[in-house]
Amino acid sequence: MILEAKREQLLMAFPTAECFATAMNLDACLERYSTQRTPIEALRSGKIKLRELTVIYGSRPVVGWISTWLIALSSMMDFEITDQQRKTTAAILSEDLYMLNLVEITLLFKRLFKGVYGVFYGKFNMQTILIAAREYRQERGKLVQKLSGQELHRLGLL
């Protein structure tokens, strides 16, 4: 029921995956979600999750959207990323981070940009990104354990 309401709302705003990707580009997400600076604020935002985006648009556009974050990361960190590295990393991230919402993904990449999860030393390292994703999920898991049943239900986590 919740997913149907989100689907309807999302498709009204972004009828196609291309519309979504264009409107929810890196700059738009960074600006739109700039007030949510902590994992708990991101979690409580209630924005659509990667899993829900995948149900609505399919996995390919979601992997493509994550790929744009990886391209931005490589540009910001001044390292090369091959198409194969980008595609593989994006696919794994979409599987591993399916429970995260758009604000959480934005926050994770902001933290990667800031070096919170380590330094890239001028070259792409998929493992650094996957370890960062795992650390973020673990931090999120600890936060979820502290939430009330009512809040878990409101956030669609039950």
Foldseek 3Di string as FASTA:
>chain_A
DVLVVLLVVVCVCQVALVSVLVCCALVNLCVVLVVQQDLVSQLLPLADFLLSVCVNHNDVSQLVSVLRLVVVLCVLLVADDDPVRSSVLSSVCSVLRRGGHSSLSSNLSVCVSVQVQHHDVRYDDSVSSVVSSVVSVVVNVVVVVPDDPVSCVVSVND
